[in-house]
Amino acid sequence: MITHIVLFKLHDSSPANVAATREKLESMRGKIPQLRHLEVGVDVIRSERSADLALVTKFDSLEDLQAYQVHPYHAGEVVPHMKSVSMQTVAADYVSA
């Protein structure tokens, strides 16, 4: 299994914008067949170094992660939105149990 984690620091971290952005990430649920697990978390600490949102996704294989990256809904809807609202994005991908 491959775990893909992305942390987002938003330009506007108001509760309304964080909630709307969380909804956009969660809208991938059921639309991308390779996506085995999707979790979106909102930061509760809100320190200077905190990201505003964390996206945790899981895939059966690296090939499935790569297919997700170019899936029309992810690449055409979610990625452009996240680029428009994020000032910083950091990702990590690793083999998990």
N, C-alpha and C. Protein backbone atom coordinates (compact mmCIF):
# COMPACT_ATOMS: atom_id res chain seq x y z
N MET A 1 0.85 -1.17 0.00
CA MET A 1 0.00 0.00 0.00
C MET A 1 0.90 1.23 0.00
N ILE A 2 0.48 2.28 -0.71
CA ILE A 2 1.19 3.56 -0.76
C ILE A 2 0.35 4.61 -0.04
N THR A 3 0.96 5.33 0.89
CA THR A 3 0.30 6.45 1.57
C THR A 3 0.85 7.74 0.98
N HIS A 4 -0.06 8.64 0.65
CA HIS A 4 0.26 9.95 0.06
C HIS A 4 -0.31 11.00 1.00
N ILE A 5 0.57 11.82 1.59
CA ILE A 5 0.15 12.86 2.51
C ILE A 5 0.52 14.22 1.93
N VAL A 6 -0.42 15.16 1.97
CA VAL A 6 -0.16 16.52 1.50
C VAL A 6 -0.62 17.48 2.58
N LEU A 7 0.24 18.44 2.90
CA LEU A 7 -0.09 19.50 3.86
C LEU A 7 -0.23 20.81 3.10
N PHE A 8 -1.30 21.55 3.42
CA PHE A 8 -1.59 22.80 2.73
C PHE A 8 -1.62 23.96 3.70
N LYS A 9 -0.91 25.02 3.38
CA LYS A 9 -0.99 26.29 4.10
C LYS A 9 -1.74 27.23 3.15
N LEU A 10 -2.89 27.74 3.59
CA LEU A 10 -3.75 28.52 2.73
C LEU A 10 -3.45 30.02 2.82
N HIS A 11 -3.74 30.73 1.73
CA HIS A 11 -3.63 32.19 1.74
C HIS A 11 -4.61 32.77 2.76
N ASP A 12 -5.81 32.25 2.76
CA ASP A 12 -6.88 32.71 3.65
C ASP A 12 -7.25 31.55 4.57
N SER A 13 -6.85 31.64 5.82
CA SER A 13 -7.12 30.54 6.75
C SER A 13 -8.33 30.80 7.63
N SER A 14 -9.26 31.59 7.11
CA SER A 14 -10.51 31.82 7.84
C SER A 14 -11.28 30.51 7.93
N PRO A 15 -12.08 30.33 8.98
CA PRO A 15 -12.85 29.08 9.10
C PRO A 15 -13.70 28.77 7.87
N ALA A 16 -14.30 29.77 7.27
CA ALA A 16 -15.14 29.53 6.10
C ALA A 16 -14.33 29.02 4.93
N ASN A 17 -13.15 29.59 4.69
CA ASN A 17 -12.32 29.16 3.58
C ASN A 17 -11.72 27.78 3.84
N VAL A 18 -11.32 27.51 5.06
CA VAL A 18 -10.80 26.19 5.40
C VAL A 18 -11.88 25.13 5.18
N ALA A 19 -13.09 25.42 5.60
CA ALA A 19 -14.20 24.47 5.43
C ALA A 19 -14.49 24.23 3.95
N ALA A 20 -14.51 25.28 3.15
CA ALA A 20 -14.78 25.14 1.72
C ALA A 20 -13.68 24.34 1.03
N THR A 21 -12.44 24.57 1.44
CA THR A 21 -11.32 23.85 0.84
C THR A 21 -11.34 22.39 1.27
N ARG A 22 -11.70 22.14 2.50
CA ARG A 22 -11.84 20.76 2.98
C ARG A 22 -12.91 20.04 2.15
N GLU A 23 -14.02 20.69 1.90
CA GLU A 23 -15.09 20.09 1.08
C GLU A 23 -14.59 19.75 -0.31
N LYS A 24 -13.78 20.63 -0.90
CA LYS A 24 -13.25 20.38 -2.24
C LYS A 24 -12.38 19.12 -2.23
N LEU A 25 -11.51 18.99 -1.23
CA LEU A 25 -10.67 17.78 -1.13
C LEU A 25 -11.53 16.54 -0.91
N GLU A 26 -12.50 16.63 -0.04
CA GLU A 26 -13.36 15.48 0.24
C GLU A 26 -14.26 15.11 -0.94
N SER A 27 -14.44 16.03 -1.87
CA SER A 27 -15.29 15.75 -3.04
C SER A 27 -14.68 14.69 -3.95
N MET A 28 -13.41 14.34 -3.73
CA MET A 28 -12.80 13.27 -4.54
C MET A 28 -13.34 11.90 -4.17
N ARG A 29 -13.91 11.78 -2.97
CA ARG A 29 -14.43 10.50 -2.49
C ARG A 29 -15.45 9.92 -3.50
N GLY A 30 -15.19 8.70 -3.94
CA GLY A 30 -16.11 8.01 -4.85
C GLY A 30 -15.93 8.38 -6.31
N LYS A 31 -15.08 9.35 -6.63
CA LYS A 31 -14.90 9.78 -8.02
C LYS A 31 -13.65 9.20 -8.67
N ILE A 32 -12.71 8.71 -7.86
CA ILE A 32 -11.43 8.22 -8.37
C ILE A 32 -11.26 6.78 -7.92
N PRO A 33 -11.40 5.82 -8.84
CA PRO A 33 -11.43 4.41 -8.46
C PRO A 33 -10.19 3.93 -7.71
N GLN A 34 -9.03 4.47 -8.00
CA GLN A 34 -7.79 4.02 -7.37
C GLN A 34 -7.66 4.46 -5.91
N LEU A 35 -8.45 5.42 -5.51
CA LEU A 35 -8.36 6.01 -4.17
C LEU A 35 -9.00 5.06 -3.15
N ARG A 36 -8.16 4.42 -2.31
CA ARG A 36 -8.66 3.44 -1.34
C ARG A 36 -9.03 4.06 0.00
N HIS A 37 -8.41 5.17 0.34
CA HIS A 37 -8.67 5.85 1.62
C HIS A 37 -8.47 7.34 1.40
N LEU A 38 -9.35 8.13 1.96
CA LEU A 38 -9.24 9.58 1.88
C LEU A 38 -9.63 10.16 3.23
N GLU A 39 -8.74 10.97 3.78
CA GLU A 39 -9.00 11.64 5.05
C GLU A 39 -8.49 13.06 4.93
N VAL A 40 -9.31 14.01 5.36
CA VAL A 40 -8.91 15.42 5.37
C VAL A 40 -9.04 15.93 6.79
N GLY A 41 -7.95 16.47 7.31
CA GLY A 41 -7.95 16.99 8.67
C GLY A 41 -7.67 18.48 8.68
N VAL A 42 -8.35 19.17 9.60
CA VAL A 42 -8.14 20.61 9.80
C VAL A 42 -7.27 20.77 11.04
N ASP A 43 -6.23 21.58 10.92
CA ASP A 43 -5.31 21.81 12.03
C ASP A 43 -6.05 22.42 13.22
N VAL A 44 -5.77 21.90 14.42
CA VAL A 44 -6.41 22.41 15.64
C VAL A 44 -5.46 23.25 16.48
N ILE A 45 -4.16 23.17 16.22
CA ILE A 45 -3.18 23.92 17.00
C ILE A 45 -3.09 25.37 16.52
N ARG A 46 -3.08 25.54 15.20
CA ARG A 46 -3.03 26.86 14.56
C ARG A 46 -1.81 27.67 14.99
N SER A 47 -0.66 27.01 15.08
CA SER A 47 0.59 27.72 15.39
C SER A 47 1.16 28.30 14.10
N GLU A 48 2.16 29.11 14.23
CA GLU A 48 2.80 29.74 13.07
C GLU A 48 3.33 28.70 12.07
N ARG A 49 3.82 27.57 12.58
CA ARG A 49 4.39 26.55 11.70
C ARG A 49 3.38 25.53 11.20
N SER A 50 2.15 25.62 11.65
CA SER A 50 1.13 24.63 11.27
C SER A 50 0.65 24.81 9.83
N ALA A 51 0.35 23.69 9.20
CA ALA A 51 -0.41 23.71 7.95
C ALA A 51 -1.88 23.86 8.33
N ASP A 52 -2.69 24.35 7.41
CA ASP A 52 -4.12 24.52 7.69
C ASP A 52 -4.89 23.22 7.49
N LEU A 53 -4.49 22.43 6.49
CA LEU A 53 -5.19 21.19 6.15
C LEU A 53 -4.19 20.09 5.87
N ALA A 54 -4.58 18.87 6.21
CA ALA A 54 -3.79 17.68 5.87
C ALA A 54 -4.67 16.74 5.07
N LEU A 55 -4.13 16.27 3.96
CA LEU A 55 -4.81 15.28 3.13
C LEU A 55 -4.03 13.97 3.24
N VAL A 56 -4.71 12.89 3.64
CA VAL A 56 -4.08 11.57 3.72
C VAL A 56 -4.86 10.65 2.79
N THR A 57 -4.16 10.09 1.80
CA THR A 57 -4.79 9.17 0.87
C THR A 57 -3.96 7.90 0.81
N LYS A 58 -4.61 6.80 0.42
CA LYS A 58 -3.92 5.51 0.31
C LYS A 58 -4.31 4.84 -1.00
N PHE A 59 -3.32 4.13 -1.56
CA PHE A 59 -3.47 3.47 -2.85
C PHE A 59 -2.87 2.07 -2.77
N ASP A 60 -3.37 1.17 -3.60
CA ASP A 60 -2.86 -0.21 -3.60
C ASP A 60 -1.44 -0.30 -4.14
N SER A 61 -1.05 0.63 -5.01
CA SER A 61 0.26 0.55 -5.65
C SER A 61 0.73 1.93 -6.08
N LEU A 62 2.00 2.02 -6.41
CA LEU A 62 2.56 3.26 -6.93
C LEU A 62 1.89 3.63 -8.25
N GLU A 63 1.56 2.61 -9.06
CA GLU A 63 0.87 2.85 -10.33
C GLU A 63 -0.50 3.49 -10.09
N ASP A 64 -1.20 3.04 -9.05
CA ASP A 64 -2.50 3.64 -8.72
C ASP A 64 -2.35 5.08 -8.27
N LEU A 65 -1.29 5.38 -7.50
CA LEU A 65 -1.02 6.77 -7.10
C LEU A 65 -0.76 7.62 -8.33
N GLN A 66 0.01 7.10 -9.26
CA GLN A 66 0.30 7.85 -10.49
C GLN A 66 -0.95 8.06 -11.33
N ALA A 67 -1.84 7.07 -11.36
CA ALA A 67 -3.11 7.22 -12.09
C ALA A 67 -3.99 8.28 -11.43
N TYR A 68 -3.99 8.31 -10.10
CA TYR A 68 -4.72 9.34 -9.35
C TYR A 68 -4.22 10.73 -9.70
N GLN A 69 -2.89 10.88 -9.80
CA GLN A 69 -2.31 12.19 -10.08
C GLN A 69 -2.83 12.78 -11.39
N VAL A 70 -3.08 11.95 -12.38
CA VAL A 70 -3.52 12.44 -13.69
C VAL A 70 -5.02 12.22 -13.93
N HIS A 71 -5.72 11.67 -12.96
CA HIS A 71 -7.17 11.46 -13.11
C HIS A 71 -7.83 12.80 -13.43
N PRO A 72 -8.77 12.84 -14.38
CA PRO A 72 -9.37 14.11 -14.79
C PRO A 72 -9.99 14.91 -13.64
N TYR A 73 -10.62 14.26 -12.68
CA TYR A 73 -11.22 15.04 -11.58
C TYR A 73 -10.14 15.64 -10.69
N HIS A 74 -9.15 14.84 -10.34
CA HIS A 74 -8.05 15.34 -9.49
C HIS A 74 -7.26 16.43 -10.23
N ALA A 75 -6.78 16.11 -11.43
CA ALA A 75 -5.92 17.04 -12.17
C ALA A 75 -6.68 18.25 -12.71
N GLY A 76 -7.94 18.06 -13.06
CA GLY A 76 -8.70 19.14 -13.70
C GLY A 76 -9.53 19.99 -12.77
N GLU A 77 -9.91 19.45 -11.61
CA GLU A 77 -10.77 20.16 -10.67
C GLU A 77 -10.08 20.49 -9.36
N VAL A 78 -9.52 19.48 -8.73
CA VAL A 78 -8.98 19.65 -7.38
C VAL A 78 -7.63 20.37 -7.40
N VAL A 79 -6.71 19.94 -8.23
CA VAL A 79 -5.38 20.56 -8.26
C VAL A 79 -5.45 22.05 -8.59
N PRO A 80 -6.18 22.47 -9.63
CA PRO A 80 -6.24 23.91 -9.91
C PRO A 80 -6.82 24.71 -8.73
N HIS A 81 -7.84 24.16 -8.09
CA HIS A 81 -8.42 24.85 -6.93
C HIS A 81 -7.40 24.98 -5.80
N MET A 82 -6.71 23.88 -5.51
CA MET A 82 -5.75 23.90 -4.41
C MET A 82 -4.58 24.84 -4.71
N LYS A 83 -4.15 24.89 -5.95
CA LYS A 83 -3.08 25.84 -6.32
C LYS A 83 -3.54 27.28 -6.14
N SER A 84 -4.81 27.55 -6.39
CA SER A 84 -5.32 28.92 -6.27
C SER A 84 -5.49 29.37 -4.83
N VAL A 85 -5.69 28.45 -3.91
CA VAL A 85 -5.95 28.83 -2.51
C VAL A 85 -4.76 28.59 -1.58
N SER A 86 -3.73 27.88 -2.06
CA SER A 86 -2.60 27.51 -1.20
C SER A 86 -1.39 28.41 -1.43
N MET A 87 -0.74 28.76 -0.33
CA MET A 87 0.52 29.50 -0.44
C MET A 87 1.71 28.55 -0.32
N GLN A 88 1.48 27.38 0.28
CA GLN A 88 2.54 26.40 0.44
C GLN A 88 1.93 25.00 0.50
N THR A 89 2.60 24.08 -0.18
CA THR A 89 2.17 22.68 -0.20
C THR A 89 3.40 21.80 -0.01
N VAL A 90 3.28 20.80 0.85
CA VAL A 90 4.35 19.84 1.08
C VAL A 90 3.73 18.44 1.02
N ALA A 91 4.43 17.51 0.38
CA ALA A 91 3.90 16.16 0.25
C ALA A 91 4.94 15.12 0.65
N ALA A 92 4.45 13.96 1.07
CA ALA A 92 5.29 12.79 1.32
C ALA A 92 4.53 11.56 0.86
N ASP A 93 5.26 10.64 0.22
CA ASP A 93 4.69 9.40 -0.27
C ASP A 93 5.57 8.26 0.24
N TYR A 94 4.93 7.23 0.81
CA TYR A 94 5.72 6.13 1.37
C TYR A 94 4.94 4.83 1.32
N VAL A 95 5.69 3.73 1.39
CA VAL A 95 5.09 2.40 1.44
C VAL A 95 4.61 2.17 2.86
N SER A 96 3.36 1.77 3.01
CA SER A 96 2.77 1.52 4.32
C SER A 96 2.18 0.11 4.39
N ALA A 97 1.89 -0.31 5.57
CA ALA A 97 1.33 -1.65 5.77
C ALA A 97 -0.14 -1.69 5.41
